Amino acid sequence: MTLNEQYVLDAYRAAQHGAPAPPVPGTHDVAVYRELREYRRFRAVVAGRPARGRIRAALRRLAPHRGQAAGC
């Protein structure tokens, strides 16, 4: 059963019992991603690592700068 099918079934059951309908799938996704990002930043600070830009800094170390040939 897909997510949408489950939602329709739950909404139907809620309507039959007079209960409020469940939230539409994907309604709170952005908030969840933001909370996850904040949690990971918090854990990084507690562990003594930089909280921001770790991936970008690693790529900057590995990749040559723009306008420069590799090995220069």
Protein backbone atom coordinates (compact mmCIF):
# COMPACT_ATOMS: atom_id res chain seq x y z
CA MET A 1 0.00 0.00 0.00
CA THR A 2 1.38 3.37 -0.95
CA LEU A 3 1.58 6.36 1.33
CA ASN A 4 -1.25 8.11 -0.47
CA GLU A 5 -3.50 5.06 -0.30
CA GLN A 6 -2.86 4.79 3.43
CA TYR A 7 -3.70 8.47 3.87
CA VAL A 8 -7.00 8.10 2.00
CA LEU A 9 -7.90 5.06 4.09
CA ASP A 10 -7.05 6.89 7.34
CA ALA A 11 -9.04 9.95 6.25
CA TYR A 12 -12.02 7.76 5.41
CA ARG A 13 -11.86 6.00 8.77
CA ALA A 14 -11.56 9.32 10.59
CA ALA A 15 -14.61 10.64 8.74
CA GLN A 16 -16.59 7.52 9.67
CA HIS A 17 -15.78 8.02 13.36
CA GLY A 18 -16.20 11.78 13.38
CA ALA A 19 -12.52 12.35 14.18
CA PRO A 20 -10.39 15.04 12.53
CA ALA A 21 -8.58 13.98 9.37
CA PRO A 22 -4.86 13.18 9.64
CA PRO A 23 -2.40 15.69 8.18
CA VAL A 24 -1.63 15.37 4.48
CA PRO A 25 1.62 13.45 3.79
CA GLY A 26 4.54 15.84 3.41
CA THR A 27 2.97 18.67 5.40
CA HIS A 28 5.74 18.85 8.00
CA ASP A 29 8.72 17.70 5.92
CA VAL A 30 10.49 21.08 5.83
CA ALA A 31 10.19 21.51 9.58
CA VAL A 32 11.57 18.01 10.16
CA TYR A 33 14.59 18.70 7.92
CA ARG A 34 15.28 21.97 9.74
CA GLU A 35 15.10 20.25 13.13
CA LEU A 36 17.44 17.53 11.92
CA ARG A 37 19.93 20.13 10.67
CA GLU A 38 19.83 22.00 13.98
CA TYR A 39 20.26 18.76 15.93
CA ARG A 40 23.31 17.79 13.85
CA ARG A 41 24.84 21.25 14.35
CA PHE A 42 24.25 20.98 18.08
CA ARG A 43 25.87 17.53 18.23
CA ALA A 44 28.88 18.86 16.27
CA VAL A 45 29.38 21.71 18.73
CA VAL A 46 29.08 19.39 21.72
CA ALA A 47 31.65 17.05 20.13
CA GLY A 48 34.04 19.96 19.54
CA ARG A 49 33.77 19.98 15.73
CA PRO A 50 32.91 22.98 13.58
CA ALA A 51 29.16 23.27 13.26
CA ARG A 52 29.06 24.63 9.73
CA GLY A 53 30.75 24.19 6.40
CA ARG A 54 32.47 20.86 6.99
CA ILE A 55 31.55 19.42 3.60
CA ARG A 56 32.36 22.59 1.71
CA ALA A 57 35.71 22.89 3.50
CA ALA A 58 36.59 19.29 2.68
CA LEU A 59 35.72 19.80 -0.97
CA ARG A 60 37.79 22.97 -1.02
CA ARG A 61 40.80 21.01 0.26
CA LEU A 62 40.36 18.22 -2.28
CA ALA A 63 39.37 20.14 -5.42
CA PRO A 64 41.60 22.66 -7.18
CA HIS A 65 40.49 26.28 -7.07
CA ARG A 66 38.70 27.76 -10.03
CA GLY A 67 41.00 29.11 -12.68
CA GLN A 68 43.93 26.94 -11.60
CA ALA A 69 45.09 23.79 -13.26
CA ALA A 70 45.32 20.65 -11.17
CA GLY A 71 48.70 20.27 -9.49
CA CYS A 72 49.57 23.98 -9.60
